[in-house]
Amino acid sequence: MTAVYYAMELRRTGRDVVNLFFTAVLPAFLYVIFGASQDYSTDMLPTGRGNVAMYIMVSMAAYGAVTATTGIGGMAAVERMQGWGRQLGLTPMRDSRYVLVKAQLGLTIALIPVALIYVIGFATGAAGELRAWLLSGVLVLAGAALFSLYGLVFGLAFRTEGAVSAASGSLVILAFLGNLFFPLSGTMLTIAKLTPLYGIVALAREPLTEGWLVATDGAAPVHDPLWVPVANVAVWLTILTVLAVLLVRRGRARQ
């Protein structure tokens, strides 16, 4: 039954062409515009483990992956709050199986932008060590799991599909503030380190940059210790987990 439900959910999600466009096609387009088509795309990073095109490729893949998991997590919350959970309660499927299906679905949909962008990157000059290719892809997918909680919190808080769309839309702002779309420096970089996207993107870039931050204002590269993005992920994971638990309890209290 779990496999059947997963297949049904995958087909249903696949029919949402608009969502798939913003999840996969848009980040791939952004990579081509800001990465592959630029003269500086073939410049090597200071560590020598990859070029600028690959740096941007990893960033856009992370953006697509978190957009996917945010949408899946948010819709899972809305479905449960709107009564789908009671419908599933009439079947042999347990809650743990429901969570497993949603987790598998989120990973599957997140794989689409990552695979698409990595293939396009390979075909358009993104270059780096094999270790960097493999580790960055794994870290992008692992970090994107955090944003399933982000979508879950929005869905539990507002209980509407519009709220889930707003959560996905807010990722654009978080991407700008989180040092994802273009390198930040000074005060803006300090602010970026407090945002939820900064940690997972910095960790995904770690195999390429080894913690060195790219600067666009001519300043010397700055080294970001590994504990900074790790702490960022740990803090935001805690915050989102606590919020999700509190919102679930609030929902139960209203029933």
C-alpha atoms as a PDB file:
ATOM      1  CA  MET A   1       0.000   0.000   0.000  1.00  0.00           C
ATOM      2  CA  THR A   2       2.892   2.352   0.742  1.00  0.00           C
ATOM      3  CA  ALA A   3       4.298   1.864  -2.758  1.00  0.00           C
ATOM      4  CA  VAL A   4       0.875   2.461  -4.325  1.00  0.00           C
ATOM      5  CA  TYR A   5       0.314   5.634  -2.328  1.00  0.00           C
ATOM      6  CA  TYR A   6       3.804   6.864  -3.198  1.00  0.00           C
ATOM      7  CA  ALA A   7       3.136   6.270  -6.896  1.00  0.00           C
ATOM      8  CA  MET A   8      -0.181   8.137  -6.643  1.00  0.00           C
ATOM      9  CA  GLU A   9       1.460  11.088  -4.898  1.00  0.00           C
ATOM     10  CA  LEU A  10       4.269  11.165  -7.435  1.00  0.00           C
ATOM     11  CA  ARG A  11       1.797  11.250 -10.342  1.00  0.00           C
ATOM     12  CA  ARG A  12      -0.253  13.951  -8.643  1.00  0.00           C
ATOM     13  CA  THR A  13       2.808  16.097  -8.022  1.00  0.00           C
ATOM     14  CA  GLY A  14       4.035  15.491 -11.571  1.00  0.00           C
ATOM     15  CA  ARG A  15       0.811  16.929 -12.961  1.00  0.00           C
ATOM     16  CA  ASP A  16       1.516  20.242 -11.267  1.00  0.00           C
ATOM     17  CA  VAL A  17       3.486  21.674 -14.177  1.00  0.00           C
ATOM     18  CA  VAL A  18       3.694  25.194 -12.735  1.00  0.00           C
ATOM     19  CA  ASN A  19       5.244  23.957  -9.506  1.00  0.00           C
ATOM     20  CA  LEU A  20       7.737  21.767 -11.359  1.00  0.00           C
ATOM     21  CA  PHE A  21       8.724  24.754 -13.502  1.00  0.00           C
ATOM     22  CA  PHE A  22       9.641  26.875 -10.473  1.00  0.00           C
ATOM     23  CA  THR A  23      11.270  23.892  -8.790  1.00  0.00           C
ATOM     24  CA  ALA A  24      13.472  22.646 -11.622  1.00  0.00           C
ATOM     25  CA  VAL A  25      13.386  24.747 -14.788  1.00  0.00           C
ATOM     26  CA  LEU A  26      13.739  28.175 -13.179  1.00  0.00           C
ATOM     27  CA  PRO A  27      16.864  27.313 -11.111  1.00  0.00           C
ATOM     28  CA  ALA A  28      18.394  25.671 -14.200  1.00  0.00           C
ATOM     29  CA  PHE A  29      17.668  28.815 -16.207  1.00  0.00           C
ATOM     30  CA  LEU A  30      19.247  30.963 -13.488  1.00  0.00           C
ATOM     31  CA  TYR A  31      22.359  28.779 -13.586  1.00  0.00           C
ATOM     32  CA  VAL A  32      22.671  29.237 -17.354  1.00  0.00           C
ATOM     33  CA  ILE A  33      22.195  33.011 -17.105  1.00  0.00           C
ATOM     34  CA  PHE A  34      24.433  33.714 -14.116  1.00  0.00           C
ATOM     35  CA  GLY A  35      26.857  30.833 -14.495  1.00  0.00           C
ATOM     36  CA  ALA A  36      27.399  29.086 -17.805  1.00  0.00           C
ATOM     37  CA  SER A  37      26.902  32.129 -20.038  1.00  0.00           C
ATOM     38  CA  GLN A  38      29.317  34.414 -18.154  1.00  0.00           C
ATOM     39  CA  ASP A  39      32.947  34.993 -19.114  1.00  0.00           C
ATOM     40  CA  TYR A  40      34.096  34.334 -15.563  1.00  0.00           C
ATOM     41  CA  SER A  41      32.451  30.902 -15.420  1.00  0.00           C
ATOM     42  CA  THR A  42      35.695  29.093 -16.255  1.00  0.00           C
ATOM     43  CA  ASP A  43      37.764  30.925 -13.618  1.00  0.00           C
ATOM     44  CA  MET A  44      39.021  28.563 -10.954  1.00  0.00           C
ATOM     45  CA  LEU A  45      38.138  29.099  -7.297  1.00  0.00           C
ATOM     46  CA  PRO A  46      40.998  29.924  -4.874  1.00  0.00           C
ATOM     47  CA  THR A  47      41.052  26.325  -3.603  1.00  0.00           C
ATOM     48  CA  GLY A  48      41.459  24.909  -7.108  1.00  0.00           C
ATOM     49  CA  ARG A  49      38.777  22.272  -6.490  1.00  0.00           C
ATOM     50  CA  GLY A  50      36.346  23.692  -9.034  1.00  0.00           C
ATOM     51  CA  ASN A  51      35.474  26.692 -11.170  1.00  0.00           C
ATOM     52  CA  VAL A  52      32.969  29.505 -10.765  1.00  0.00           C
ATOM     53  CA  ALA A  53      30.400  27.747 -12.963  1.00  0.00           C
ATOM     54  CA  MET A  54      30.346  24.811 -10.564  1.00  0.00           C
ATOM     55  CA  TYR A  55      30.059  27.168  -7.583  1.00  0.00           C
ATOM     56  CA  ILE A  56      26.942  28.730  -9.128  1.00  0.00           C
ATOM     57  CA  MET A  57      25.649  25.311 -10.192  1.00  0.00           C
ATOM     58  CA  VAL A  58      25.692  24.073  -6.588  1.00  0.00           C
ATOM     59  CA  SER A  59      23.933  27.249  -5.433  1.00  0.00           C
ATOM     60  CA  MET A  60      21.113  26.941  -7.970  1.00  0.00           C
ATOM     61  CA  ALA A  61      20.722  23.232  -7.271  1.00  0.00           C
ATOM     62  CA  ALA A  62      20.311  24.036  -3.580  1.00  0.00           C
ATOM     63  CA  TYR A  63      17.689  26.656  -4.390  1.00  0.00           C
ATOM     64  CA  GLY A  64      15.699  24.199  -6.507  1.00  0.00           C
ATOM     65  CA  ALA A  65      15.957  21.437  -3.909  1.00  0.00           C
ATOM     66  CA  VAL A  66      14.759  23.579  -0.993  1.00  0.00           C
ATOM     67  CA  THR A  67      11.877  24.876  -3.109  1.00  0.00           C
ATOM     68  CA  ALA A  68      10.809  21.270  -3.711  1.00  0.00           C
ATOM     69  CA  THR A  69      10.984  20.149  -0.092  1.00  0.00           C
ATOM     70  CA  THR A  70       9.305  23.320   1.179  1.00  0.00           C
ATOM     71  CA  GLY A  71       6.321  22.683  -1.078  1.00  0.00           C
ATOM     72  CA  ILE A  72       6.048  18.993  -0.155  1.00  0.00           C
ATOM     73  CA  GLY A  73       6.340  19.668   3.579  1.00  0.00           C
ATOM     74  CA  GLY A  74       3.807  22.484   3.464  1.00  0.00           C
ATOM     75  CA  MET A  75       1.222  20.521   1.503  1.00  0.00           C
ATOM     76  CA  ALA A  76       1.609  17.544   3.843  1.00  0.00           C
ATOM     77  CA  ALA A  77       0.683  19.798   6.754  1.00  0.00           C
ATOM     78  CA  VAL A  78      -2.290  21.305   4.909  1.00  0.00           C
ATOM     79  CA  GLU A  79      -3.582  17.858   3.928  1.00  0.00           C
ATOM     80  CA  ARG A  80      -3.478  16.658   7.512  1.00  0.00           C
ATOM     81  CA  MET A  81      -5.118  19.786   8.896  1.00  0.00           C
ATOM     82  CA  GLN A  82      -7.901  19.696   6.296  1.00  0.00           C
ATOM     83  CA  GLY A  83      -8.966  16.148   7.090  1.00  0.00           C
ATOM     84  CA  TRP A  84      -6.888  13.948   4.799  1.00  0.00           C
ATOM     85  CA  GLY A  85      -5.392  12.330   7.874  1.00  0.00           C
ATOM     86  CA  ARG A  86      -8.842  11.139   8.980  1.00  0.00           C
ATOM     87  CA  GLN A  87      -9.426   9.651   5.529  1.00  0.00           C
ATOM     88  CA  LEU A  88      -6.151   7.757   5.717  1.00  0.00           C
ATOM     89  CA  GLY A  89      -7.168   6.628   9.194  1.00  0.00           C
ATOM     90  CA  LEU A  90      -9.830   4.468   7.548  1.00  0.00           C
ATOM     91  CA  THR A  91      -7.098   2.541   5.723  1.00  0.00           C
ATOM     92  CA  PRO A  92      -4.417   0.166   7.078  1.00  0.00           C
ATOM     93  CA  MET A  93      -1.744   2.837   6.483  1.00  0.00           C
ATOM     94  CA  ARG A  94      -0.063   4.025   9.676  1.00  0.00           C
ATOM     95  CA  ASP A  95       1.067   7.582  10.341  1.00  0.00           C
ATOM     96  CA  SER A  96       4.691   6.458  10.134  1.00  0.00           C
ATOM     97  CA  ARG A  97       4.071   5.144   6.612  1.00  0.00           C
ATOM     98  CA  TYR A  98       2.454   8.438   5.627  1.00  0.00           C
ATOM     99  CA  VAL A  99       5.514  10.331   6.852  1.00  0.00           C
ATOM    100  CA  LEU A 100       7.789   7.894   5.012  1.00  0.00           C
ATOM    101  CA  VAL A 101       5.895   8.407   1.741  1.00  0.00           C
ATOM    102  CA  LYS A 102       6.107  12.197   2.076  1.00  0.00           C
ATOM    103  CA  ALA A 103       9.812  12.007   2.895  1.00  0.00           C
ATOM    104  CA  GLN A 104      10.440   9.812  -0.159  1.00  0.00           C
ATOM    105  CA  LEU A 105       8.330  12.119  -2.309  1.00  0.00           C
ATOM    106  CA  GLY A 106      10.228  15.189  -1.120  1.00  0.00           C
ATOM    107  CA  LEU A 107      13.567  13.506  -1.869  1.00  0.00           C
ATOM    108  CA  THR A 108      12.365  12.414  -5.316  1.00  0.00           C
ATOM    109  CA  ILE A 109      11.133  15.867  -6.304  1.00  0.00           C
ATOM    110  CA  ALA A 110      14.292  17.482  -4.901  1.00  0.00           C
ATOM    111  CA  LEU A 111      16.355  15.129  -7.061  1.00  0.00           C
ATOM    112  CA  ILE A 112      14.789  16.591 -10.219  1.00  0.00           C
ATOM    113  CA  PRO A 113      16.343  20.094 -10.031  1.00  0.00           C
ATOM    114  CA  VAL A 114      19.619  18.739  -8.648  1.00  0.00           C
ATOM    115  CA  ALA A 115      20.001  16.173 -11.445  1.00  0.00           C
ATOM    116  CA  LEU A 116      18.877  18.605 -14.150  1.00  0.00           C
ATOM    117  CA  ILE A 117      21.219  21.385 -13.053  1.00  0.00           C
ATOM    118  CA  TYR A 118      24.173  19.053 -12.551  1.00  0.00           C
ATOM    119  CA  VAL A 119      23.683  17.580 -16.043  1.00  0.00           C
ATOM    120  CA  ILE A 120      23.431  21.047 -17.578  1.00  0.00           C
ATOM    121  CA  GLY A 121      26.453  22.134 -15.555  1.00  0.00           C
ATOM    122  CA  PHE A 122      28.522  19.204 -16.776  1.00  0.00           C
ATOM    123  CA  ALA A 123      27.519  19.981 -20.357  1.00  0.00           C
ATOM    124  CA  THR A 124      28.269  23.709 -20.114  1.00  0.00           C
ATOM    125  CA  GLY A 125      31.695  23.783 -18.517  1.00  0.00           C
ATOM    126  CA  ALA A 126      31.185  23.352 -14.779  1.00  0.00           C
ATOM    127  CA  ALA A 127      34.396  21.675 -13.646  1.00  0.00           C
ATOM    128  CA  GLY A 128      35.657  20.292 -10.373  1.00  0.00           C
ATOM    129  CA  GLU A 129      37.029  17.266  -8.588  1.00  0.00           C
ATOM    130  CA  LEU A 130      34.849  14.142  -8.581  1.00  0.00           C
ATOM    131  CA  ARG A 131      34.759  14.304  -4.785  1.00  0.00           C
ATOM    132  CA  ALA A 132      33.340  17.812  -4.970  1.00  0.00           C
ATOM    133  CA  TRP A 133      30.650  16.752  -7.456  1.00  0.00           C
ATOM    134  CA  LEU A 134      29.510  13.850  -5.305  1.00  0.00           C
ATOM    135  CA  LEU A 135      29.706  15.490  -1.893  1.00  0.00           C
ATOM    136  CA  SER A 136      28.059  18.727  -2.978  1.00  0.00           C
ATOM    137  CA  GLY A 137      25.106  16.810  -4.452  1.00  0.00           C
ATOM    138  CA  VAL A 138      24.648  14.756  -1.288  1.00  0.00           C
ATOM    139  CA  LEU A 139      24.912  17.844   0.930  1.00  0.00           C
ATOM    140  CA  VAL A 140      22.386  19.752  -1.197  1.00  0.00           C
ATOM    141  CA  LEU A 141      19.830  16.966  -0.751  1.00  0.00           C
ATOM    142  CA  ALA A 142      20.563  16.550   2.963  1.00  0.00           C
ATOM    143  CA  GLY A 143      20.275  20.276   3.583  1.00  0.00           C
ATOM    144  CA  ALA A 144      17.043  20.517   1.620  1.00  0.00           C
ATOM    145  CA  ALA A 145      15.439  18.195   4.168  1.00  0.00           C
ATOM    146  CA  LEU A 146      15.584  21.060   6.672  1.00  0.00           C
ATOM    147  CA  PHE A 147      13.213  23.046   4.489  1.00  0.00           C
ATOM    148  CA  SER A 148      10.552  20.364   4.599  1.00  0.00           C
ATOM    149  CA  LEU A 149      10.185  21.567   8.203  1.00  0.00           C
ATOM    150  CA  TYR A 150      10.073  25.156   6.960  1.00  0.00           C
ATOM    151  CA  GLY A 151       7.148  24.307   4.686  1.00  0.00           C
ATOM    152  CA  LEU A 152       5.545  22.224   7.429  1.00  0.00           C
ATOM    153  CA  VAL A 153       5.553  25.188   9.813  1.00  0.00           C
ATOM    154  CA  PHE A 154       3.857  27.425   7.241  1.00  0.00           C
ATOM    155  CA  GLY A 155       1.256  24.776   6.479  1.00  0.00           C
ATOM    156  CA  LEU A 156       0.481  24.147  10.155  1.00  0.00           C
ATOM    157  CA  ALA A 157       0.345  27.852  10.975  1.00  0.00           C
ATOM    158  CA  PHE A 158      -2.007  28.989   8.199  1.00  0.00           C
ATOM    159  CA  ARG A 159      -3.637  25.772   6.890  1.00  0.00           C
ATOM    160  CA  THR A 160      -4.058  26.997   3.326  1.00  0.00           C
ATOM    161  CA  GLU A 161      -2.397  26.175   0.024  1.00  0.00           C
ATOM    162  CA  GLY A 162      -1.768  29.905  -0.377  1.00  0.00           C
ATOM    163  CA  ALA A 163       0.420  29.822   2.720  1.00  0.00           C
ATOM    164  CA  VAL A 164       2.499  27.040   1.188  1.00  0.00           C
ATOM    165  CA  SER A 165       2.934  29.113  -1.973  1.00  0.00           C
ATOM    166  CA  ALA A 166       3.974  32.052   0.197  1.00  0.00           C
ATOM    167  CA  ALA A 167       6.525  29.841   1.957  1.00  0.00           C
ATOM    168  CA  SER A 168       8.015  28.797  -1.380  1.00  0.00           C
ATOM    169  CA  GLY A 169       7.964  32.396  -2.591  1.00  0.00           C
ATOM    170  CA  SER A 170       9.748  33.603   0.528  1.00  0.00           C
ATOM    171  CA  LEU A 171      12.715  31.441  -0.451  1.00  0.00           C
ATOM    172  CA  VAL A 172      13.604  34.027  -3.087  1.00  0.00           C
ATOM    173  CA  ILE A 173      14.115  36.627  -0.357  1.00  0.00           C
ATOM    174  CA  LEU A 174      15.987  34.156   1.837  1.00  0.00           C
ATOM    175  CA  ALA A 175      18.213  33.244  -1.109  1.00  0.00           C
ATOM    176  CA  PHE A 176      19.210  36.875  -1.638  1.00  0.00           C
ATOM    177  CA  LEU A 177      19.789  37.366   2.103  1.00  0.00           C
ATOM    178  CA  GLY A 178      21.515  33.995   2.498  1.00  0.00           C
ATOM    179  CA  ASN A 179      24.480  34.588   0.170  1.00  0.00           C
ATOM    180  CA  LEU A 180      23.049  32.226  -2.443  1.00  0.00           C
ATOM    181  CA  PHE A 181      22.354  34.315  -5.551  1.00  0.00           C
ATOM    182  CA  PHE A 182      25.426  36.531  -5.340  1.00  0.00           C
ATOM    183  CA  PRO A 183      28.329  36.943  -2.892  1.00  0.00           C
ATOM    184  CA  LEU A 184      27.725  39.318   0.005  1.00  0.00           C
ATOM    185  CA  SER A 185      30.252  41.145   2.144  1.00  0.00           C
ATOM    186  CA  GLY A 186      30.424  43.368   5.216  1.00  0.00           C
ATOM    187  CA  THR A 187      27.214  43.891   7.178  1.00  0.00           C
ATOM    188  CA  MET A 188      25.097  41.989   4.656  1.00  0.00           C
ATOM    189  CA  LEU A 189      27.309  38.935   5.042  1.00  0.00           C
ATOM    190  CA  THR A 190      26.932  39.130   8.817  1.00  0.00           C
ATOM    191  CA  ILE A 191      23.148  39.221   8.406  1.00  0.00           C
ATOM    192  CA  ALA A 192      23.326  36.345   5.900  1.00  0.00           C
ATOM    193  CA  LYS A 193      24.901  34.060   8.492  1.00  0.00           C
ATOM    194  CA  LEU A 194      21.736  34.362  10.584  1.00  0.00           C
ATOM    195  CA  THR A 195      19.352  33.256   7.836  1.00  0.00           C
ATOM    196  CA  PRO A 196      18.183  29.641   7.355  1.00  0.00           C
ATOM    197  CA  LEU A 197      19.517  29.166   3.819  1.00  0.00           C
ATOM    198  CA  TYR A 198      23.068  30.265   4.600  1.00  0.00           C
ATOM    199  CA  GLY A 199      24.116  27.156   6.483  1.00  0.00           C
ATOM    200  CA  ILE A 200      22.980  24.502   4.042  1.00  0.00           C
ATOM    201  CA  VAL A 201      24.333  26.370   1.009  1.00  0.00           C
ATOM    202  CA  ALA A 202      27.687  27.000   2.708  1.00  0.00           C
ATOM    203  CA  LEU A 203      27.961  23.306   3.619  1.00  0.00           C
ATOM    204  CA  ALA A 204      27.058  22.257   0.066  1.00  0.00           C
ATOM    205  CA  ARG A 205      29.816  24.547  -1.253  1.00  0.00           C
ATOM    206  CA  GLU A 206      32.348  23.328   1.327  1.00  0.00           C
ATOM    207  CA  PRO A 207      33.833  20.578  -0.919  1.00  0.00           C
ATOM    208  CA  LEU A 208      34.542  23.315  -3.480  1.00  0.00           C
ATOM    209  CA  THR A 209      35.466  26.331  -1.388  1.00  0.00           C
ATOM    210  CA  GLU A 210      36.846  24.751   1.818  1.00  0.00           C
ATOM    211  CA  GLY A 211      35.190  27.639   3.641  1.00  0.00           C
ATOM    212  CA  TRP A 212      36.625  30.464   1.538  1.00  0.00           C
ATOM    213  CA  LEU A 213      33.972  33.048   0.642  1.00  0.00           C
ATOM    214  CA  VAL A 214      34.013  34.500  -2.851  1.00  0.00           C
ATOM    215  CA  ALA A 215      34.174  38.315  -2.964  1.00  0.00           C
ATOM    216  CA  THR A 216      33.004  40.505  -5.867  1.00  0.00           C
ATOM    217  CA  ASP A 217      34.202  43.891  -4.634  1.00  0.00           C
ATOM    218  CA  GLY A 218      37.883  43.167  -5.123  1.00  0.00           C
ATOM    219  CA  ALA A 219      38.423  42.363  -1.470  1.00  0.00           C
ATOM    220  CA  ALA A 220      40.559  39.429  -0.413  1.00  0.00           C
ATOM    221  CA  PRO A 221      38.649  36.150   0.146  1.00  0.00           C
ATOM    222  CA  VAL A 222      37.467  35.601   3.718  1.00  0.00           C
ATOM    223  CA  HIS A 223      37.574  32.190   5.388  1.00  0.00           C
ATOM    224  CA  ASP A 224      34.413  30.976   7.070  1.00  0.00           C
ATOM    225  CA  PRO A 225      35.120  28.313   9.734  1.00  0.00           C
ATOM    226  CA  LEU A 226      33.156  25.080   9.298  1.00  0.00           C
ATOM    227  CA  TRP A 227      31.437  25.503  12.653  1.00  0.00           C
ATOM    228  CA  VAL A 228      29.588  28.605  11.396  1.00  0.00           C
ATOM    229  CA  PRO A 229      27.353  26.843   8.811  1.00  0.00           C
ATOM    230  CA  VAL A 230      27.063  23.782  11.067  1.00  0.00           C
ATOM    231  CA  ALA A 231      25.825  25.982  13.923  1.00  0.00           C
ATOM    232  CA  ASN A 232      23.462  27.771  11.548  1.00  0.00           C
ATOM    233  CA  VAL A 233      21.871  24.465  10.456  1.00  0.00           C
ATOM    234  CA  ALA A 234      21.685  23.172  14.039  1.00  0.00           C
ATOM    235  CA  VAL A 235      20.004  26.340  15.339  1.00  0.00           C
ATOM    236  CA  TRP A 236      17.457  26.537  12.533  1.00  0.00           C
ATOM    237  CA  LEU A 237      16.724  22.820  12.774  1.00  0.00           C
ATOM    238  CA  THR A 238      15.965  23.310  16.464  1.00  0.00           C
ATOM    239  CA  ILE A 239      13.825  26.408  15.877  1.00  0.00           C
ATOM    240  CA  LEU A 240      11.755  24.830  13.106  1.00  0.00           C
ATOM    241  CA  THR A 241      11.331  21.560  15.012  1.00  0.00           C
ATOM    242  CA  VAL A 242      10.086  23.365  18.116  1.00  0.00           C
ATOM    243  CA  LEU A 243       7.708  25.512  16.055  1.00  0.00           C
ATOM    244  CA  ALA A 244       6.333  22.447  14.264  1.00  0.00           C
ATOM    245  CA  VAL A 245       5.710  20.626  17.563  1.00  0.00           C
ATOM    246  CA  LEU A 246       3.991  23.647  19.097  1.00  0.00           C
ATOM    247  CA  LEU A 247       1.788  24.129  16.035  1.00  0.00           C
ATOM    248  CA  VAL A 248       0.800  20.446  16.007  1.00  0.00           C
ATOM    249  CA  ARG A 249      -0.200  20.719  19.656  1.00  0.00           C
ATOM    250  CA  ARG A 250      -2.190  23.885  18.930  1.00  0.00           C
ATOM    251  CA  GLY A 251      -4.007  22.106  16.117  1.00  0.00           C
ATOM    252  CA  ARG A 252      -4.908  19.204  18.370  1.00  0.00           C
ATOM    253  CA  ALA A 253      -6.175  21.579  21.072  1.00  0.00           C
ATOM    254  CA  ARG A 254      -8.646  23.109  18.593  1.00  0.00           C
ATOM    255  CA  GLN A 255     -10.103  19.731  17.607  1.00  0.00           C
END
